[in-house]
């Protein structure tokens, strides 16, 4: 029985949060821009569906930062 191996990039070669950021941007692309009134009152430009992806990207970047700091200690 043969098993096919699909080539996937090693984790070390991937940028932290790259796929999460791409998904955030994809979801955010369908959100209309804030109006001047929204901007004046500080309403977030992120759509409700894009916000969890944004927060996830921030989390992945923080984990990468902390892991990087372990390597330099």
PDB file of N, CA and C in Angstrom:
ATOM      1  N   UNK A   1       0.847  -1.162   0.000  1.00  0.00           N
ATOM      2  CA  UNK A   1       0.000   0.000   0.000  1.00  0.00           C
ATOM      3  C   UNK A   1       0.901   1.236   0.000  1.00  0.00           C
ATOM      4  N   UNK A   2       0.728   2.110  -0.981  1.00  0.00           N
ATOM      5  CA  UNK A   2       1.567   3.310  -1.046  1.00  0.00           C
ATOM      6  C   UNK A   2       0.814   4.508  -0.465  1.00  0.00           C
ATOM      7  N   UNK A   3       1.577   5.365   0.142  1.00  0.00           N
ATOM      8  CA  UNK A   3       1.014   6.583   0.708  1.00  0.00           C
ATOM      9  C   UNK A   3       1.603   7.768  -0.035  1.00  0.00           C
ATOM     10  N   UNK A   4       0.728   8.616  -0.564  1.00  0.00           N
ATOM     11  CA  UNK A   4       1.212   9.805  -1.264  1.00  0.00           C
ATOM     12  C   UNK A   4       1.566  10.874  -0.251  1.00  0.00           C
ATOM     13  N   UNK A   5       2.675  11.533  -0.489  1.00  0.00           N
ATOM     14  CA  UNK A   5       3.093  12.637   0.370  1.00  0.00           C
ATOM     15  C   UNK A   5       2.907  13.938  -0.393  1.00  0.00           C
ATOM     16  N   UNK A   6       2.217  14.842   0.222  1.00  0.00           N
ATOM     17  CA  UNK A   6       2.016  16.150  -0.381  1.00  0.00           C
ATOM     18  C   UNK A   6       3.053  17.091   0.207  1.00  0.00           C
ATOM     19  N   UNK A   7       3.754  17.782  -0.662  1.00  0.00           N
ATOM     20  CA  UNK A   7       4.775  18.718  -0.200  1.00  0.00           C
ATOM     21  C   UNK A   7       4.116  19.917   0.469  1.00  0.00           C
ATOM     22  N   UNK A   8       4.465  20.147   1.714  1.00  0.00           N
ATOM     23  CA  UNK A   8       3.973  21.313   2.431  1.00  0.00           C
ATOM     24  C   UNK A   8       5.171  22.072   2.976  1.00  0.00           C
ATOM     25  N   UNK A   9       5.059  23.390   2.995  1.00  0.00           N
ATOM     26  CA  UNK A   9       6.206  24.145   3.507  1.00  0.00           C
ATOM     27  C   UNK A   9       6.412  23.877   4.991  1.00  0.00           C
ATOM     28  N   UNK A  10       7.665  23.786   5.386  1.00  0.00           N
ATOM     29  CA  UNK A  10       7.984  23.570   6.792  1.00  0.00           C
ATOM     30  C   UNK A  10       7.543  24.787   7.591  1.00  0.00           C
ATOM     31  N   UNK A  11       7.171  24.545   8.845  1.00  0.00           N
ATOM     32  CA  UNK A  11       6.742  25.649   9.702  1.00  0.00           C
ATOM     33  C   UNK A  11       7.811  26.724   9.811  1.00  0.00           C
ATOM     34  N   UNK A  12       9.055  26.321   9.820  1.00  0.00           N
ATOM     35  CA  UNK A  12      10.144  27.283   9.948  1.00  0.00           C
ATOM     36  C   UNK A  12      10.211  28.234   8.760  1.00  0.00           C
ATOM     37  N   UNK A  13       9.674  27.816   7.617  1.00  0.00           N
ATOM     38  CA  UNK A  13       9.722  28.643   6.416  1.00  0.00           C
ATOM     39  C   UNK A  13       8.489  29.513   6.231  1.00  0.00           C
ATOM     40  N   UNK A  14       7.514  29.372   7.088  1.00  0.00           N
ATOM     41  CA  UNK A  14       6.282  30.150   6.962  1.00  0.00           C
ATOM     42  C   UNK A  14       6.334  31.359   7.882  1.00  0.00           C
ATOM     43  N   UNK A  15       5.792  32.471   7.426  1.00  0.00           N
ATOM     44  CA  UNK A  15       5.726  33.679   8.228  1.00  0.00           C
ATOM     45  C   UNK A  15       4.626  33.535   9.260  1.00  0.00           C
ATOM     46  N   UNK A  16       4.858  33.994  10.502  1.00  0.00           N
ATOM     47  CA  UNK A  16       3.819  33.908  11.535  1.00  0.00           C
ATOM     48  C   UNK A  16       2.561  34.659  11.104  1.00  0.00           C
ATOM     49  N   UNK A  17       1.433  34.020  11.282  1.00  0.00           N
ATOM     50  CA  UNK A  17       0.105  34.595  11.051  1.00  0.00           C
ATOM     51  C   UNK A  17      -0.214  34.879   9.591  1.00  0.00           C
ATOM     52  N   UNK A  18       0.610  34.461   8.649  1.00  0.00           N
ATOM     53  CA  UNK A  18       0.393  34.796   7.242  1.00  0.00           C
ATOM     54  C   UNK A  18      -0.970  34.324   6.739  1.00  0.00           C
ATOM     55  N   UNK A  19      -1.340  33.096   7.032  1.00  0.00           N
ATOM     56  CA  UNK A  19      -2.619  32.591   6.531  1.00  0.00           C
ATOM     57  C   UNK A  19      -3.796  33.235   7.246  1.00  0.00           C
ATOM     58  N   UNK A  20      -3.626  33.565   8.517  1.00  0.00           N
ATOM     59  CA  UNK A  20      -4.701  34.208   9.277  1.00  0.00           C
ATOM     60  C   UNK A  20      -4.907  35.635   8.770  1.00  0.00           C
ATOM     61  N   UNK A  21      -3.819  36.341   8.490  1.00  0.00           N
ATOM     62  CA  UNK A  21      -3.918  37.694   7.953  1.00  0.00           C
ATOM     63  C   UNK A  21      -4.580  37.675   6.580  1.00  0.00           C
ATOM     64  N   UNK A  22      -4.216  36.704   5.762  1.00  0.00           N
ATOM     65  CA  UNK A  22      -4.826  36.589   4.432  1.00  0.00           C
ATOM     66  C   UNK A  22      -6.335  36.374   4.546  1.00  0.00           C
ATOM     67  N   UNK A  23      -6.750  35.542   5.477  1.00  0.00           N
ATOM     68  CA  UNK A  23      -8.186  35.302   5.655  1.00  0.00           C
ATOM     69  C   UNK A  23      -8.880  36.551   6.187  1.00  0.00           C
ATOM     70  N   UNK A  24      -8.250  37.253   7.103  1.00  0.00           N
ATOM     71  CA  UNK A  24      -8.806  38.499   7.628  1.00  0.00           C
ATOM     72  C   UNK A  24      -9.026  39.494   6.492  1.00  0.00           C
ATOM     73  N   UNK A  25      -8.037  39.640   5.628  1.00  0.00           N
ATOM     74  CA  UNK A  25      -8.161  40.554   4.500  1.00  0.00           C
ATOM     75  C   UNK A  25      -9.240  40.117   3.525  1.00  0.00           C
ATOM     76  N   UNK A  26      -9.356  38.806   3.317  1.00  0.00           N
ATOM     77  CA  UNK A  26     -10.393  38.295   2.413  1.00  0.00           C
ATOM     78  C   UNK A  26     -11.775  38.631   2.950  1.00  0.00           C
ATOM     79  N   UNK A  27     -11.985  38.399   4.243  1.00  0.00           N
ATOM     80  CA  UNK A  27     -13.283  38.669   4.863  1.00  0.00           C
ATOM     81  C   UNK A  27     -13.548  40.172   4.890  1.00  0.00           C
ATOM     82  N   UNK A  28     -12.534  40.949   5.205  1.00  0.00           N
ATOM     83  CA  UNK A  28     -12.683  42.404   5.330  1.00  0.00           C
ATOM     84  C   UNK A  28     -12.965  43.067   3.984  1.00  0.00           C
ATOM     85  N   UNK A  29     -12.576  42.447   2.893  1.00  0.00           N
ATOM     86  CA  UNK A  29     -12.754  43.043   1.565  1.00  0.00           C
ATOM     87  C   UNK A  29     -14.216  43.333   1.241  1.00  0.00           C
ATOM     88  N   UNK A  30     -15.137  42.605   1.852  1.00  0.00           N
ATOM     89  CA  UNK A  30     -16.551  42.812   1.555  1.00  0.00           C
ATOM     90  C   UNK A  30     -17.222  43.822   2.486  1.00  0.00           C
ATOM     91  N   UNK A  31     -16.454  44.395   3.414  1.00  0.00           N
ATOM     92  CA  UNK A  31     -17.000  45.349   4.379  1.00  0.00           C
ATOM     93  C   UNK A  31     -16.905  46.762   3.793  1.00  0.00           C
ATOM     94  N   UNK A  32     -18.018  47.499   3.762  1.00  0.00           N
ATOM     95  CA  UNK A  32     -17.945  48.864   3.243  1.00  0.00           C
ATOM     96  C   UNK A  32     -17.113  49.751   4.171  1.00  0.00           C
ATOM     97  N   UNK A  33     -16.435  50.750   3.621  1.00  0.00           N
ATOM     98  CA  UNK A  33     -15.624  51.631   4.469  1.00  0.00           C
ATOM     99  C   UNK A  33     -16.492  52.450   5.423  1.00  0.00           C
ATOM    100  N   UNK A  34     -15.899  52.827   6.542  1.00  0.00           N
ATOM    101  CA  UNK A  34     -16.610  53.666   7.502  1.00  0.00           C
ATOM    102  C   UNK A  34     -16.896  55.038   6.902  1.00  0.00           C
ATOM    103  N   UNK A  35     -17.986  55.609   7.347  1.00  0.00           N
ATOM    104  CA  UNK A  35     -18.310  56.976   6.946  1.00  0.00           C
ATOM    105  C   UNK A  35     -17.490  57.942   7.796  1.00  0.00           C
ATOM    106  N   UNK A  36     -17.531  59.218   7.440  1.00  0.00           N
ATOM    107  CA  UNK A  36     -16.820  60.236   8.212  1.00  0.00           C
ATOM    108  C   UNK A  36     -17.330  60.273   9.650  1.00  0.00           C
ATOM    109  N   UNK A  37     -18.623  60.070   9.844  1.00  0.00           N
ATOM    110  CA  UNK A  37     -19.199  60.063  11.196  1.00  0.00           C
ATOM    111  C   UNK A  37     -18.650  58.885  11.996  1.00  0.00           C
ATOM    112  N   UNK A  38     -18.584  57.722  11.377  1.00  0.00           N
ATOM    113  CA  UNK A  38     -18.011  56.550  12.054  1.00  0.00           C
ATOM    114  C   UNK A  38     -16.572  56.826  12.475  1.00  0.00           C
ATOM    115  N   UNK A  39     -15.795  57.383  11.548  1.00  0.00           N
ATOM    116  CA  UNK A  39     -14.398  57.684  11.861  1.00  0.00           C
ATOM    117  C   UNK A  39     -14.298  58.713  12.982  1.00  0.00           C
ATOM    118  N   UNK A  40     -15.157  59.736  12.950  1.00  0.00           N
ATOM    119  CA  UNK A  40     -15.141  60.773  13.985  1.00  0.00           C
ATOM    120  C   UNK A  40     -15.366  60.169  15.366  1.00  0.00           C
ATOM    121  N   UNK A  41     -16.305  59.224  15.459  1.00  0.00           N
ATOM    122  CA  UNK A  41     -16.606  58.602  16.742  1.00  0.00           C
ATOM    123  C   UNK A  41     -15.740  57.383  17.049  1.00  0.00           C
ATOM    124  N   UNK A  42     -14.773  57.103  16.210  1.00  0.00           N
ATOM    125  CA  UNK A  42     -13.813  56.038  16.488  1.00  0.00           C
ATOM    126  C   UNK A  42     -14.338  54.632  16.290  1.00  0.00           C
ATOM    127  N   UNK A  43     -15.324  54.459  15.424  1.00  0.00           N
ATOM    128  CA  UNK A  43     -15.852  53.119  15.149  1.00  0.00           C
ATOM    129  C   UNK A  43     -14.791  52.319  14.402  1.00  0.00           C
ATOM    130  N   UNK A  44     -14.551  51.107  14.841  1.00  0.00           N
ATOM    131  CA  UNK A  44     -13.542  50.251  14.219  1.00  0.00           C
ATOM    132  C   UNK A  44     -13.887  49.999  12.752  1.00  0.00           C
ATOM    133  N   UNK A  45     -12.901  50.074  11.885  1.00  0.00           N
ATOM    134  CA  UNK A  45     -13.164  49.767  10.480  1.00  0.00           C
ATOM    135  C   UNK A  45     -13.315  48.272  10.210  1.00  0.00           C
ATOM    136  N   UNK A  46     -12.975  47.434  11.197  1.00  0.00           N
ATOM    137  CA  UNK A  46     -13.088  45.986  11.009  1.00  0.00           C
ATOM    138  C   UNK A  46     -14.540  45.547  11.042  1.00  0.00           C
ATOM    139  N   UNK A  47     -14.900  44.693  10.107  1.00  0.00           N
ATOM    140  CA  UNK A  47     -16.219  44.091  10.129  1.00  0.00           C
ATOM    141  C   UNK A  47     -16.310  43.057  11.239  1.00  0.00           C
ATOM    142  N   UNK A  48     -17.523  42.722  11.636  1.00  0.00           N
ATOM    143  CA  UNK A  48     -17.696  41.750  12.731  1.00  0.00           C
ATOM    144  C   UNK A  48     -17.106  40.399  12.400  1.00  0.00           C
ATOM    145  N   UNK A  49     -17.152  40.006  11.145  1.00  0.00           N
ATOM    146  CA  UNK A  49     -16.609  38.697  10.766  1.00  0.00           C
ATOM    147  C   UNK A  49     -15.092  38.715  10.627  1.00  0.00           C
ATOM    148  N   UNK A  50     -14.510  39.883  10.403  1.00  0.00           N
ATOM    149  CA  UNK A  50     -13.051  39.991  10.245  1.00  0.00           C
ATOM    150  C   UNK A  50     -12.347  40.149  11.591  1.00  0.00           C
ATOM    151  N   UNK A  51     -13.055  40.658  12.580  1.00  0.00           N
ATOM    152  CA  UNK A  51     -12.414  40.934  13.869  1.00  0.00           C
ATOM    153  C   UNK A  51     -11.777  39.710  14.525  1.00  0.00           C
ATOM    154  N   UNK A  52     -12.453  38.555  14.569  1.00  0.00           N
ATOM    155  CA  UNK A  52     -11.801  37.383  15.181  1.00  0.00           C
ATOM    156  C   UNK A  52     -10.522  36.969  14.436  1.00  0.00           C
ATOM    157  N   UNK A  53     -10.498  37.133  13.127  1.00  0.00           N
ATOM    158  CA  UNK A  53      -9.294  36.802  12.363  1.00  0.00           C
ATOM    159  C   UNK A  53      -8.166  37.762  12.720  1.00  0.00           C
ATOM    160  N   UNK A  54      -8.511  39.041  12.899  1.00  0.00           N
ATOM    161  CA  UNK A  54      -7.520  40.046  13.283  1.00  0.00           C
ATOM    162  C   UNK A  54      -6.930  39.720  14.661  1.00  0.00           C
ATOM    163  N   UNK A  55      -7.791  39.416  15.601  1.00  0.00           N
ATOM    164  CA  UNK A  55      -7.335  39.083  16.956  1.00  0.00           C
ATOM    165  C   UNK A  55      -6.479  37.817  16.926  1.00  0.00           C
ATOM    166  N   UNK A  56      -6.876  36.845  16.126  1.00  0.00           N
ATOM    167  CA  UNK A  56      -6.082  35.619  15.989  1.00  0.00           C
ATOM    168  C   UNK A  56      -4.700  35.888  15.415  1.00  0.00           C
ATOM    169  N   UNK A  57      -4.628  36.789  14.439  1.00  0.00           N
ATOM    170  CA  UNK A  57      -3.333  37.145  13.858  1.00  0.00           C
ATOM    171  C   UNK A  57      -2.448  37.813  14.902  1.00  0.00           C
ATOM    172  N   UNK A  58      -3.029  38.705  15.696  1.00  0.00           N
ATOM    173  CA  UNK A  58      -2.252  39.343  16.762  1.00  0.00           C
ATOM    174  C   UNK A  58      -1.725  38.296  17.739  1.00  0.00           C
ATOM    175  N   UNK A  59      -2.549  37.309  18.062  1.00  0.00           N
ATOM    176  CA  UNK A  59      -2.127  36.236  18.963  1.00  0.00           C
ATOM    177  C   UNK A  59      -0.986  35.427  18.386  1.00  0.00           C
ATOM    178  N   UNK A  60      -1.097  35.063  17.114  1.00  0.00           N
ATOM    179  CA  UNK A  60      -0.020  34.296  16.491  1.00  0.00           C
ATOM    180  C   UNK A  60       1.283  35.091  16.442  1.00  0.00           C
ATOM    181  N   UNK A  61       1.186  36.392  16.171  1.00  0.00           N
ATOM    182  CA  UNK A  61       2.378  37.228  16.142  1.00  0.00           C
ATOM    183  C   UNK A  61       3.018  37.329  17.524  1.00  0.00           C
ATOM    184  N   UNK A  62       2.199  37.404  18.562  1.00  0.00           N
ATOM    185  CA  UNK A  62       2.727  37.464  19.927  1.00  0.00           C
ATOM    186  C   UNK A  62       3.410  36.154  20.306  1.00  0.00           C
ATOM    187  N   UNK A  63       2.814  35.038  19.936  1.00  0.00           N
ATOM    188  CA  UNK A  63       3.436  33.738  20.211  1.00  0.00           C
ATOM    189  C   UNK A  63       4.777  33.645  19.481  1.00  0.00           C
ATOM    190  N   UNK A  64       4.820  34.091  18.232  1.00  0.00           N
ATOM    191  CA  UNK A  64       6.072  34.053  17.476  1.00  0.00           C
ATOM    192  C   UNK A  64       7.124  34.940  18.138  1.00  0.00           C
ATOM    193  N   UNK A  65       6.707  36.102  18.637  1.00  0.00           N
ATOM    194  CA  UNK A  65       7.650  36.996  19.306  1.00  0.00           C
ATOM    195  C   UNK A  65       8.230  36.332  20.543  1.00  0.00           C
ATOM    196  N   UNK A  66       7.353  35.709  21.335  1.00  0.00           N
ATOM    197  CA  UNK A  66       7.821  35.064  22.567  1.00  0.00           C
ATOM    198  C   UNK A  66       8.702  33.854  22.280  1.00  0.00           C
ATOM    199  N   UNK A  67       8.355  33.080  21.269  1.00  0.00           N
ATOM    200  CA  UNK A  67       9.193  31.945  20.903  1.00  0.00           C
ATOM    201  C   UNK A  67      10.542  32.411  20.381  1.00  0.00           C
ATOM    202  N   UNK A  68      10.535  33.499  19.641  1.00  0.00           N
ATOM    203  CA  UNK A  68      11.789  34.065  19.153  1.00  0.00           C
ATOM    204  C   UNK A  68      12.688  34.537  20.290  1.00  0.00           C
ATOM    205  N   UNK A  69      12.065  35.086  21.334  1.00  0.00           N
ATOM    206  CA  UNK A  69      12.827  35.551  22.482  1.00  0.00           C
ATOM    207  C   UNK A  69      13.462  34.376  23.223  1.00  0.00           C
ATOM    208  N   UNK A  70      12.816  33.222  23.217  1.00  0.00           N
ATOM    209  CA  UNK A  70      13.396  32.049  23.859  1.00  0.00           C
ATOM    210  C   UNK A  70      14.660  31.600  23.151  1.00  0.00           C
ATOM    211  N   UNK A  71      14.685  31.765  21.836  1.00  0.00           N
ATOM    212  CA  UNK A  71      15.850  31.348  21.063  1.00  0.00           C
ATOM    213  C   UNK A  71      17.049  32.236  21.248  1.00  0.00           C
ATOM    214  N   UNK A  72      16.833  33.463  21.730  1.00  0.00           N
ATOM    215  CA  UNK A  72      17.951  34.388  21.907  1.00  0.00           C
ATOM    216  C   UNK A  72      18.413  34.473  23.355  1.00  0.00           C
ATOM    217  N   UNK A  73      17.759  33.714  24.231  1.00  0.00           N
ATOM    218  CA  UNK A  73      18.109  33.790  25.657  1.00  0.00           C
ATOM    219  C   UNK A  73      19.353  33.010  25.962  1.00  0.00           C
TER     220      UNK A  73
END
